[in-house]
Amino acid sequence: MELLLVHPQIPHNTGCAARLAAATGLRLHLVEPLGFSLEDRYLKRAGLDYWPMVDLVVHKDWEQATKFLQKDVERPLEDRLRLFSARGGETLFDAKFEQDDILVFGSEGQGLPAELLAQYPNNRVYIPIREGVRSLNLANVVCLGAYTAMNRAGVPLPDNAGGHVRHEAADAYPQPADVAKRSN
């Protein structure tokens, strides 16, 4: 299972998603353009000293991301995408998930691009919210979506019994840009 943020705008939210990726062992993909620099201090701060544990891949656009995600995988990409949207689809709590799914989240201001939603109309997943509330915070949706999808797909959850052992690379405290890989 993998996490993919399309055009994220707020560094805090992306940093929280990176921290979640470190906590769960899921790869995090970012599709440019981003609304911030990978050297942003708020991005680094939200991810704390967990950046060495983040498998971060940055793609210049959606096309490059899809090429990367289709490499060496038998299941078709269109079957693996789960597009999180506040605008319809199947509720997160009824949706079926597979271990190789890609959980896709849009930007804070715009959500997912309309053409992407139109291309994969049966892949939408939403989290139920009360009438009058436009949307939930991106970091919250990524976290709830990831843990729910992992659990429903039978992806093993981390087994730490509530303890903490500092990661050996934590003292390096690198910039997110230092751990990011670029897809080609």
N, C-alpha and C. Protein backbone atom coordinates (compact mmCIF):
# COMPACT_ATOMS: atom_id res chain seq x y z
N MET A 1 0.86 -1.17 0.00
CA MET A 1 0.00 0.00 0.00
C MET A 1 0.90 1.23 0.00
N GLU A 2 0.46 2.26 -0.73
CA GLU A 2 1.25 3.47 -0.86
C GLU A 2 0.35 4.70 -0.71
N LEU A 3 0.95 5.81 -0.30
CA LEU A 3 0.25 7.09 -0.15
C LEU A 3 0.73 8.03 -1.24
N LEU A 4 -0.21 8.78 -1.83
CA LEU A 4 0.15 9.71 -2.89
C LEU A 4 -0.62 11.01 -2.70
N LEU A 5 0.11 12.11 -2.58
CA LEU A 5 -0.50 13.44 -2.45
C LEU A 5 -0.30 14.19 -3.75
N VAL A 6 -1.40 14.63 -4.36
CA VAL A 6 -1.36 15.37 -5.62
C VAL A 6 -1.42 16.86 -5.32
N HIS A 7 -0.36 17.57 -5.64
CA HIS A 7 -0.24 19.02 -5.49
C HIS A 7 -0.55 19.52 -4.07
N PRO A 8 0.06 18.92 -3.05
CA PRO A 8 -0.21 19.43 -1.69
C PRO A 8 0.27 20.87 -1.57
N GLN A 9 -0.46 21.65 -0.77
CA GLN A 9 -0.17 23.08 -0.66
C GLN A 9 0.38 23.50 0.70
N ILE A 10 0.06 22.76 1.74
CA ILE A 10 0.40 23.18 3.10
C ILE A 10 1.48 22.26 3.66
N PRO A 11 2.65 22.82 3.98
CA PRO A 11 3.76 21.97 4.42
C PRO A 11 3.46 21.17 5.68
N HIS A 12 2.71 21.73 6.61
CA HIS A 12 2.39 21.00 7.85
C HIS A 12 1.67 19.69 7.54
N ASN A 13 0.70 19.74 6.63
CA ASN A 13 -0.06 18.54 6.31
C ASN A 13 0.81 17.47 5.65
N THR A 14 1.67 17.89 4.74
CA THR A 14 2.55 16.94 4.09
C THR A 14 3.56 16.38 5.09
N GLY A 15 4.04 17.21 5.99
CA GLY A 15 4.94 16.72 7.04
C GLY A 15 4.25 15.70 7.94
N CYS A 16 2.99 15.93 8.25
CA CYS A 16 2.23 14.95 9.04
C CYS A 16 2.04 13.65 8.26
N ALA A 17 1.81 13.75 6.96
CA ALA A 17 1.69 12.54 6.13
C ALA A 17 3.02 11.80 6.10
N ALA A 18 4.13 12.52 6.07
CA ALA A 18 5.45 11.89 6.09
C ALA A 18 5.68 11.17 7.41
N ARG A 19 5.27 11.80 8.48
CA ARG A 19 5.40 11.17 9.80
C ARG A 19 4.57 9.90 9.87
N LEU A 20 3.37 9.93 9.29
CA LEU A 20 2.52 8.73 9.21
C LEU A 20 3.21 7.66 8.37
N ALA A 21 3.80 8.06 7.25
CA ALA A 21 4.51 7.10 6.40
C ALA A 21 5.65 6.44 7.18
N ALA A 22 6.37 7.21 7.97
CA ALA A 22 7.43 6.64 8.79
C ALA A 22 6.85 5.67 9.82
N ALA A 23 5.72 6.02 10.41
CA ALA A 23 5.11 5.19 11.46
C ALA A 23 4.53 3.89 10.92
N THR A 24 4.08 3.90 9.68
CA THR A 24 3.42 2.72 9.11
C THR A 24 4.30 1.93 8.15
N GLY A 25 5.37 2.54 7.68
CA GLY A 25 6.22 1.90 6.68
C GLY A 25 5.68 2.00 5.27
N LEU A 26 4.70 2.88 5.04
CA LEU A 26 4.16 3.08 3.70
C LEU A 26 5.01 4.10 2.95
N ARG A 27 5.18 3.90 1.65
CA ARG A 27 5.89 4.86 0.81
C ARG A 27 4.98 6.06 0.59
N LEU A 28 5.58 7.26 0.58
CA LEU A 28 4.85 8.51 0.34
C LEU A 28 5.32 9.10 -0.98
N HIS A 29 4.35 9.38 -1.86
CA HIS A 29 4.61 10.02 -3.14
C HIS A 29 4.04 11.43 -3.11
N LEU A 30 4.76 12.37 -3.69
CA LEU A 30 4.27 13.74 -3.87
C LEU A 30 4.30 14.06 -5.36
N VAL A 31 3.19 14.59 -5.87
CA VAL A 31 3.11 15.00 -7.27
C VAL A 31 3.18 16.52 -7.33
N GLU A 32 4.18 17.01 -8.06
CA GLU A 32 4.35 18.45 -8.23
C GLU A 32 3.33 19.02 -9.19
N PRO A 33 3.07 20.33 -9.12
CA PRO A 33 3.75 21.30 -8.28
C PRO A 33 3.29 21.21 -6.82
N LEU A 34 4.23 21.50 -5.94
CA LEU A 34 3.96 21.56 -4.51
C LEU A 34 3.77 23.03 -4.13
N GLY A 35 3.03 23.27 -3.08
CA GLY A 35 2.82 24.64 -2.62
C GLY A 35 3.90 25.11 -1.66
N PHE A 36 5.03 24.44 -1.61
CA PHE A 36 6.11 24.73 -0.68
C PHE A 36 7.38 24.07 -1.20
N SER A 37 8.47 24.41 -0.60
CA SER A 37 9.76 23.81 -0.93
C SER A 37 10.02 22.61 -0.03
N LEU A 38 10.77 21.64 -0.51
CA LEU A 38 11.14 20.50 0.33
C LEU A 38 12.14 20.91 1.41
N GLU A 39 12.62 22.16 1.37
CA GLU A 39 13.47 22.69 2.42
C GLU A 39 12.67 23.52 3.44
N ASP A 40 11.36 23.57 3.29
CA ASP A 40 10.50 24.36 4.17
C ASP A 40 10.65 23.91 5.62
N ARG A 41 10.88 24.86 6.52
CA ARG A 41 11.08 24.50 7.93
C ARG A 41 9.83 23.93 8.58
N TYR A 42 8.65 24.33 8.11
CA TYR A 42 7.41 23.79 8.69
C TYR A 42 7.18 22.35 8.24
N LEU A 43 7.58 22.05 7.01
CA LEU A 43 7.51 20.67 6.52
C LEU A 43 8.43 19.79 7.37
N LYS A 44 9.66 20.24 7.54
CA LYS A 44 10.63 19.48 8.33
C LYS A 44 10.14 19.31 9.77
N ARG A 45 9.63 20.36 10.34
CA ARG A 45 9.17 20.32 11.74
C ARG A 45 8.01 19.35 11.91
N ALA A 46 7.05 19.33 11.00
CA ALA A 46 5.90 18.44 11.13
C ALA A 46 6.32 16.98 11.02
N GLY A 47 7.38 16.70 10.28
CA GLY A 47 7.89 15.33 10.16
C GLY A 47 8.87 14.97 11.26
N LEU A 48 9.18 15.94 12.09
CA LEU A 48 10.12 15.77 13.20
C LEU A 48 11.44 15.16 12.74
N ASP A 49 11.99 14.25 13.54
CA ASP A 49 13.26 13.62 13.20
C ASP A 49 13.04 12.26 12.53
N TYR A 50 11.85 12.06 11.96
CA TYR A 50 11.52 10.79 11.32
C TYR A 50 11.86 10.76 9.84
N TRP A 51 12.37 11.84 9.27
CA TRP A 51 12.63 11.89 7.84
C TRP A 51 13.53 10.76 7.33
N PRO A 52 14.52 10.29 8.11
CA PRO A 52 15.31 9.16 7.60
C PRO A 52 14.49 7.88 7.44
N MET A 53 13.34 7.81 8.06
CA MET A 53 12.49 6.62 7.98
C MET A 53 11.43 6.73 6.88
N VAL A 54 11.39 7.86 6.19
CA VAL A 54 10.37 8.11 5.18
C VAL A 54 10.90 7.70 3.81
N ASP A 55 10.15 6.83 3.14
CA ASP A 55 10.44 6.47 1.76
C ASP A 55 9.65 7.46 0.90
N LEU A 56 10.30 8.56 0.52
CA LEU A 56 9.66 9.68 -0.15
C LEU A 56 10.07 9.73 -1.62
N VAL A 57 9.08 9.74 -2.51
CA VAL A 57 9.34 9.84 -3.94
C VAL A 57 8.56 11.05 -4.47
N VAL A 58 9.25 11.92 -5.18
CA VAL A 58 8.64 13.12 -5.75
C VAL A 58 8.57 12.95 -7.26
N HIS A 59 7.39 13.25 -7.82
CA HIS A 59 7.14 13.11 -9.26
C HIS A 59 6.84 14.50 -9.83
N LYS A 60 7.36 14.76 -11.04
CA LYS A 60 7.14 16.09 -11.63
C LYS A 60 5.69 16.30 -12.07
N ASP A 61 4.95 15.20 -12.33
CA ASP A 61 3.55 15.34 -12.72
C ASP A 61 2.84 13.98 -12.55
N TRP A 62 1.54 13.96 -12.81
CA TRP A 62 0.74 12.76 -12.65
C TRP A 62 1.22 11.64 -13.59
N GLU A 63 1.53 12.02 -14.81
CA GLU A 63 1.98 11.02 -15.80
C GLU A 63 3.24 10.30 -15.31
N GLN A 64 4.19 11.05 -14.81
CA GLN A 64 5.41 10.44 -14.30
C GLN A 64 5.12 9.54 -13.09
N ALA A 65 4.20 9.98 -12.24
CA ALA A 65 3.84 9.16 -11.08
C ALA A 65 3.21 7.84 -11.51
N THR A 66 2.32 7.89 -12.50
CA THR A 66 1.67 6.65 -12.93
C THR A 66 2.66 5.70 -13.58
N LYS A 67 3.59 6.21 -14.34
CA LYS A 67 4.63 5.35 -14.94
C LYS A 67 5.43 4.65 -13.85
N PHE A 68 5.80 5.40 -12.84
CA PHE A 68 6.58 4.85 -11.73
C PHE A 68 5.77 3.78 -10.99
N LEU A 69 4.51 4.06 -10.74
CA LEU A 69 3.66 3.14 -9.95
C LEU A 69 3.27 1.88 -10.72
N GLN A 70 3.38 1.90 -12.04
CA GLN A 70 3.04 0.73 -12.85
C GLN A 70 4.22 -0.21 -13.05
N LYS A 71 5.43 0.26 -12.73
CA LYS A 71 6.63 -0.56 -12.93
C LYS A 71 6.58 -1.82 -12.08
N ASP A 72 6.83 -2.95 -12.72
CA ASP A 72 7.00 -4.23 -12.02
C ASP A 72 5.79 -4.63 -11.17
N VAL A 73 4.59 -4.23 -11.57
CA VAL A 73 3.38 -4.58 -10.84
C VAL A 73 2.41 -5.24 -11.81
N GLU A 74 1.87 -6.37 -11.43
CA GLU A 74 0.94 -7.09 -12.32
C GLU A 74 -0.46 -6.47 -12.32
N ARG A 75 -0.97 -6.10 -11.19
CA ARG A 75 -2.34 -5.58 -11.10
C ARG A 75 -2.41 -4.21 -11.77
N PRO A 76 -3.38 -4.00 -12.65
CA PRO A 76 -3.48 -2.71 -13.36
C PRO A 76 -3.63 -1.53 -12.41
N LEU A 77 -3.00 -0.44 -12.78
CA LEU A 77 -3.04 0.77 -11.97
C LEU A 77 -4.46 1.20 -11.66
N GLU A 78 -5.33 1.16 -12.68
CA GLU A 78 -6.71 1.63 -12.47
C GLU A 78 -7.46 0.81 -11.43
N ASP A 79 -7.01 -0.41 -11.16
CA ASP A 79 -7.61 -1.23 -10.12
C ASP A 79 -7.03 -0.94 -8.74
N ARG A 80 -5.87 -0.31 -8.72
CA ARG A 80 -5.17 -0.07 -7.45
C ARG A 80 -5.44 1.31 -6.85
N LEU A 81 -5.89 2.25 -7.68
CA LEU A 81 -6.09 3.62 -7.20
C LEU A 81 -7.33 3.74 -6.33
N ARG A 82 -7.20 4.42 -5.20
CA ARG A 82 -8.33 4.76 -4.33
C ARG A 82 -8.26 6.28 -4.16
N LEU A 83 -9.17 6.98 -4.84
CA LEU A 83 -9.14 8.43 -4.88
C LEU A 83 -10.00 9.01 -3.76
N PHE A 84 -9.37 9.61 -2.78
CA PHE A 84 -10.10 10.19 -1.65
C PHE A 84 -10.64 11.56 -2.06
N SER A 85 -11.94 11.70 -1.92
CA SER A 85 -12.63 12.92 -2.35
C SER A 85 -13.78 13.22 -1.40
N ALA A 86 -14.01 14.48 -1.15
CA ALA A 86 -15.17 14.87 -0.35
C ALA A 86 -16.43 14.88 -1.21
N ARG A 87 -16.30 14.55 -2.48
CA ARG A 87 -17.40 14.66 -3.44
C ARG A 87 -17.84 13.30 -4.00
N GLY A 88 -18.31 12.45 -3.15
CA GLY A 88 -18.94 11.21 -3.61
C GLY A 88 -18.02 10.02 -3.73
N GLY A 89 -18.65 8.90 -4.05
CA GLY A 89 -17.95 7.64 -4.15
C GLY A 89 -18.50 6.67 -3.13
N GLU A 90 -17.64 5.81 -2.65
CA GLU A 90 -18.01 4.82 -1.65
C GLU A 90 -17.41 5.25 -0.30
N THR A 91 -18.16 5.09 0.75
CA THR A 91 -17.65 5.48 2.06
C THR A 91 -16.41 4.66 2.42
N LEU A 92 -15.48 5.27 3.09
CA LEU A 92 -14.26 4.60 3.53
C LEU A 92 -14.58 3.31 4.29
N PHE A 93 -15.68 3.32 5.00
CA PHE A 93 -16.00 2.20 5.88
C PHE A 93 -16.73 1.06 5.17
N ASP A 94 -17.10 1.27 3.91
CA ASP A 94 -17.68 0.21 3.09
C ASP A 94 -16.74 -0.23 1.97
N ALA A 95 -15.76 0.60 1.67
CA ALA A 95 -14.84 0.32 0.55
C ALA A 95 -13.98 -0.91 0.85
N LYS A 96 -13.67 -1.61 -0.22
CA LYS A 96 -12.75 -2.75 -0.13
C LYS A 96 -11.36 -2.26 -0.52
N PHE A 97 -10.36 -2.77 0.15
CA PHE A 97 -8.98 -2.39 -0.12
C PHE A 97 -8.13 -3.64 -0.31
N GLU A 98 -7.09 -3.50 -1.13
CA GLU A 98 -6.13 -4.57 -1.37
C GLU A 98 -4.76 -4.09 -0.89
N GLN A 99 -3.89 -5.04 -0.62
CA GLN A 99 -2.59 -4.71 -0.05
C GLN A 99 -1.73 -3.85 -0.96
N ASP A 100 -1.96 -3.88 -2.26
CA ASP A 100 -1.14 -3.07 -3.17
C ASP A 100 -1.86 -1.81 -3.67
N ASP A 101 -2.90 -1.39 -2.96
CA ASP A 101 -3.63 -0.18 -3.35
C ASP A 101 -2.76 1.07 -3.17
N ILE A 102 -3.12 2.09 -3.93
CA ILE A 102 -2.49 3.40 -3.84
C ILE A 102 -3.57 4.37 -3.37
N LEU A 103 -3.38 4.94 -2.19
CA LEU A 103 -4.34 5.88 -1.63
C LEU A 103 -3.95 7.28 -2.10
N VAL A 104 -4.84 7.91 -2.87
CA VAL A 104 -4.54 9.17 -3.55
C VAL A 104 -5.35 10.30 -2.92
N PHE A 105 -4.65 11.37 -2.57
CA PHE A 105 -5.27 12.52 -1.90
C PHE A 105 -4.94 13.79 -2.66
N GLY A 106 -5.90 14.71 -2.73
CA GLY A 106 -5.71 15.96 -3.45
C GLY A 106 -5.20 17.08 -2.58
N SER A 107 -5.08 18.25 -3.17
CA SER A 107 -4.58 19.42 -2.45
C SER A 107 -5.63 19.95 -1.49
N GLU A 108 -5.16 20.70 -0.53
CA GLU A 108 -6.04 21.26 0.49
C GLU A 108 -7.07 22.22 -0.10
N GLY A 109 -6.68 23.01 -1.07
CA GLY A 109 -7.58 24.02 -1.62
C GLY A 109 -8.48 23.53 -2.74
N GLN A 110 -8.00 22.56 -3.52
CA GLN A 110 -8.74 22.15 -4.71
C GLN A 110 -9.19 20.69 -4.69
N GLY A 111 -8.66 19.88 -3.82
CA GLY A 111 -8.95 18.46 -3.88
C GLY A 111 -8.23 17.84 -5.06
N LEU A 112 -8.73 16.71 -5.52
CA LEU A 112 -8.12 16.05 -6.68
C LEU A 112 -8.55 16.75 -7.97
N PRO A 113 -7.69 16.77 -8.97
CA PRO A 113 -8.07 17.37 -10.26
C PRO A 113 -9.31 16.71 -10.84
N ALA A 114 -10.20 17.51 -11.42
CA ALA A 114 -11.46 17.01 -11.99
C ALA A 114 -11.22 15.94 -13.05
N GLU A 115 -10.18 16.11 -13.86
CA GLU A 115 -9.91 15.14 -14.92
C GLU A 115 -9.51 13.78 -14.34
N LEU A 116 -8.85 13.78 -13.21
CA LEU A 116 -8.48 12.53 -12.55
C LEU A 116 -9.73 11.83 -11.99
N LEU A 117 -10.59 12.59 -11.37
CA LEU A 117 -11.84 12.02 -10.86
C LEU A 117 -12.72 11.50 -12.00
N ALA A 118 -12.72 12.22 -13.12
CA ALA A 118 -13.51 11.78 -14.28
C ALA A 118 -12.91 10.52 -14.91
N GLN A 119 -11.60 10.41 -14.91
CA GLN A 119 -10.93 9.26 -15.51
C GLN A 119 -11.18 7.97 -14.72
N TYR A 120 -11.32 8.10 -13.41
CA TYR A 120 -11.51 6.94 -12.53
C TYR A 120 -12.75 7.13 -11.65
N PRO A 121 -13.94 7.23 -12.25
CA PRO A 121 -15.14 7.56 -11.48
C PRO A 121 -15.54 6.50 -10.44
N ASN A 122 -15.14 5.27 -10.63
CA ASN A 122 -15.53 4.21 -9.70
C ASN A 122 -14.49 3.97 -8.62
N ASN A 123 -13.48 4.82 -8.54
CA ASN A 123 -12.40 4.63 -7.57
C ASN A 123 -12.48 5.62 -6.41
N ARG A 124 -13.54 6.40 -6.35
CA ARG A 124 -13.66 7.41 -5.30
C ARG A 124 -14.00 6.80 -3.95
N VAL A 125 -13.38 7.37 -2.93
CA VAL A 125 -13.64 6.99 -1.55
C VAL A 125 -13.85 8.29 -0.77
N TYR A 126 -14.86 8.30 0.09
CA TYR A 126 -15.08 9.49 0.90
C TYR A 126 -15.24 9.12 2.37
N ILE A 127 -14.99 10.09 3.22
CA ILE A 127 -15.20 9.93 4.66
C ILE A 127 -16.47 10.71 5.00
N PRO A 128 -17.45 10.07 5.62
CA PRO A 128 -18.70 10.76 5.94
C PRO A 128 -18.47 11.96 6.88
N ILE A 129 -19.08 13.08 6.53
CA ILE A 129 -19.03 14.27 7.38
C ILE A 129 -20.42 14.89 7.43
N ARG A 130 -20.66 15.69 8.42
CA ARG A 130 -21.97 16.33 8.60
C ARG A 130 -22.25 17.34 7.51
N GLU A 131 -23.51 17.50 7.21
CA GLU A 131 -23.96 18.53 6.27
C GLU A 131 -23.46 19.89 6.75
N GLY A 132 -23.01 20.72 5.83
CA GLY A 132 -22.53 22.05 6.16
C GLY A 132 -21.03 22.12 6.38
N VAL A 133 -20.37 20.97 6.49
CA VAL A 133 -18.91 20.94 6.62
C VAL A 133 -18.35 20.59 5.24
N ARG A 134 -17.52 21.47 4.70
CA ARG A 134 -17.01 21.30 3.34
C ARG A 134 -16.05 20.12 3.22
N SER A 135 -15.13 20.00 4.16
CA SER A 135 -14.12 18.94 4.06
C SER A 135 -13.41 18.79 5.39
N LEU A 136 -12.58 17.76 5.46
CA LEU A 136 -11.72 17.51 6.62
C LEU A 136 -10.29 17.93 6.29
N ASN A 137 -9.48 18.09 7.30
CA ASN A 137 -8.07 18.41 7.13
C ASN A 137 -7.36 17.27 6.41
N LEU A 138 -6.52 17.59 5.46
CA LEU A 138 -5.82 16.59 4.66
C LEU A 138 -5.03 15.61 5.52
N ALA A 139 -4.28 16.10 6.50
CA ALA A 139 -3.48 15.20 7.34
C ALA A 139 -4.38 14.21 8.08
N ASN A 140 -5.55 14.67 8.53
CA ASN A 140 -6.47 13.77 9.22
C ASN A 140 -7.02 12.71 8.28
N VAL A 141 -7.35 13.09 7.06
CA VAL A 141 -7.90 12.15 6.08
C VAL A 141 -6.84 11.12 5.69
N VAL A 142 -5.61 11.55 5.50
CA VAL A 142 -4.54 10.62 5.15
C VAL A 142 -4.36 9.60 6.27
N CYS A 143 -4.35 10.06 7.50
CA CYS A 143 -4.15 9.16 8.63
C CYS A 143 -5.31 8.17 8.77
N LEU A 144 -6.53 8.68 8.80
CA LEU A 144 -7.70 7.80 8.93
C LEU A 144 -7.79 6.84 7.75
N GLY A 145 -7.58 7.36 6.55
CA GLY A 145 -7.64 6.54 5.35
C GLY A 145 -6.59 5.45 5.35
N ALA A 146 -5.36 5.79 5.72
CA ALA A 146 -4.27 4.82 5.70
C ALA A 146 -4.50 3.69 6.69
N TYR A 147 -4.79 4.02 7.92
CA TYR A 147 -4.97 2.96 8.93
C TYR A 147 -6.20 2.10 8.63
N THR A 148 -7.27 2.73 8.18
CA THR A 148 -8.47 1.96 7.85
C THR A 148 -8.20 1.03 6.67
N ALA A 149 -7.58 1.56 5.62
CA ALA A 149 -7.29 0.75 4.43
C ALA A 149 -6.33 -0.38 4.77
N MET A 150 -5.30 -0.10 5.55
CA MET A 150 -4.35 -1.14 5.94
C MET A 150 -5.07 -2.26 6.70
N ASN A 151 -5.89 -1.88 7.64
CA ASN A 151 -6.61 -2.86 8.44
C ASN A 151 -7.55 -3.69 7.59
N ARG A 152 -8.30 -3.04 6.72
CA ARG A 152 -9.29 -3.74 5.88
C ARG A 152 -8.61 -4.63 4.84
N ALA A 153 -7.40 -4.28 4.41
CA ALA A 153 -6.69 -5.07 3.40
C ALA A 153 -5.83 -6.17 4.02
N GLY A 154 -5.73 -6.16 5.33
CA GLY A 154 -4.90 -7.17 5.98
C GLY A 154 -3.41 -6.85 5.94
N VAL A 155 -3.08 -5.57 5.72
CA VAL A 155 -1.68 -5.15 5.79
C VAL A 155 -1.29 -5.15 7.27
N PRO A 156 -0.20 -5.80 7.62
CA PRO A 156 0.19 -5.84 9.03
C PRO A 156 0.43 -4.44 9.59
N LEU A 157 -0.19 -4.17 10.72
CA LEU A 157 0.02 -2.90 11.39
C LEU A 157 1.30 -2.98 12.22
N PRO A 158 1.94 -1.85 12.47
CA PRO A 158 3.15 -1.88 13.29
C PRO A 158 2.87 -2.52 14.65
N ASP A 159 3.83 -3.25 15.14
CA ASP A 159 3.68 -3.95 16.41
C ASP A 159 4.72 -3.41 17.38
N ASN A 160 4.34 -2.37 18.12
CA ASN A 160 5.31 -1.78 19.03
C ASN A 160 4.84 -1.75 20.48
N ALA A 161 3.65 -2.18 20.76
CA ALA A 161 3.13 -2.23 22.13
C ALA A 161 3.26 -0.90 22.87
N GLY A 162 3.28 0.20 22.14
CA GLY A 162 3.32 1.52 22.75
C GLY A 162 4.69 2.02 23.15
N GLY A 163 5.73 1.25 22.88
CA GLY A 163 7.08 1.67 23.24
C GLY A 163 7.71 2.55 22.18
N HIS A 164 8.88 3.10 22.49
CA HIS A 164 9.61 3.93 21.53
C HIS A 164 11.10 3.66 21.66
N VAL A 165 11.72 3.35 20.56
CA VAL A 165 13.17 3.24 20.47
C VAL A 165 13.59 4.20 19.36
N ARG A 166 14.43 5.13 19.68
CA ARG A 166 14.86 6.16 18.73
C ARG A 166 15.56 5.51 17.52
N HIS A 167 15.20 5.96 16.33
CA HIS A 167 15.82 5.48 15.10
C HIS A 167 17.28 5.94 15.07
N GLU A 168 18.16 5.05 14.62
CA GLU A 168 19.59 5.35 14.65
C GLU A 168 19.98 6.54 13.78
N ALA A 169 19.20 6.85 12.77
CA ALA A 169 19.52 7.98 11.89
C ALA A 169 18.85 9.28 12.33
N ALA A 170 18.11 9.23 13.43
CA ALA A 170 17.34 10.41 13.86
C ALA A 170 18.24 11.60 14.19
N ASP A 171 19.42 11.36 14.70
CA ASP A 171 20.29 12.46 15.07
C ASP A 171 20.77 13.28 13.88
N ALA A 172 20.77 12.67 12.70
CA ALA A 172 21.16 13.39 11.49
C ALA A 172 20.16 14.49 11.18
N TYR A 173 18.90 14.27 11.52
CA TYR A 173 17.82 15.24 11.34
C TYR A 173 17.90 15.93 9.97
N PRO A 174 17.84 15.14 8.89
CA PRO A 174 18.00 15.71 7.54
C PRO A 174 16.80 16.53 7.09
N GLN A 175 17.02 17.30 6.06
CA GLN A 175 15.93 18.01 5.39
C GLN A 175 15.12 16.99 4.60
N PRO A 176 13.82 17.21 4.43
CA PRO A 176 13.03 16.33 3.56
C PRO A 176 13.65 16.20 2.17
N ALA A 177 14.23 17.28 1.66
CA ALA A 177 14.87 17.24 0.34
C ALA A 177 16.03 16.25 0.31
N ASP A 178 16.67 16.02 1.46
CA ASP A 178 17.80 15.09 1.52
C ASP A 178 17.38 13.64 1.39
N VAL A 179 16.15 13.32 1.77
CA VAL A 179 15.69 11.91 1.71
C VAL A 179 14.83 11.64 0.48
N ALA A 180 14.38 12.71 -0.18
CA ALA A 180 13.49 12.54 -1.34
C ALA A 180 14.23 11.95 -2.54
N LYS A 181 13.54 11.01 -3.19
CA LYS A 181 14.03 10.46 -4.45
C LYS A 181 13.15 11.04 -5.56
N ARG A 182 13.72 11.29 -6.70
CA ARG A 182 12.96 11.78 -7.85
C ARG A 182 12.72 10.64 -8.80
N SER A 183 11.47 10.48 -9.27
CA SER A 183 11.19 9.46 -10.27
C SER A 183 11.63 9.98 -11.63
N ASN A 184 11.93 9.06 -12.50
CA ASN A 184 12.35 9.45 -13.86
C ASN A 184 11.40 8.91 -14.88
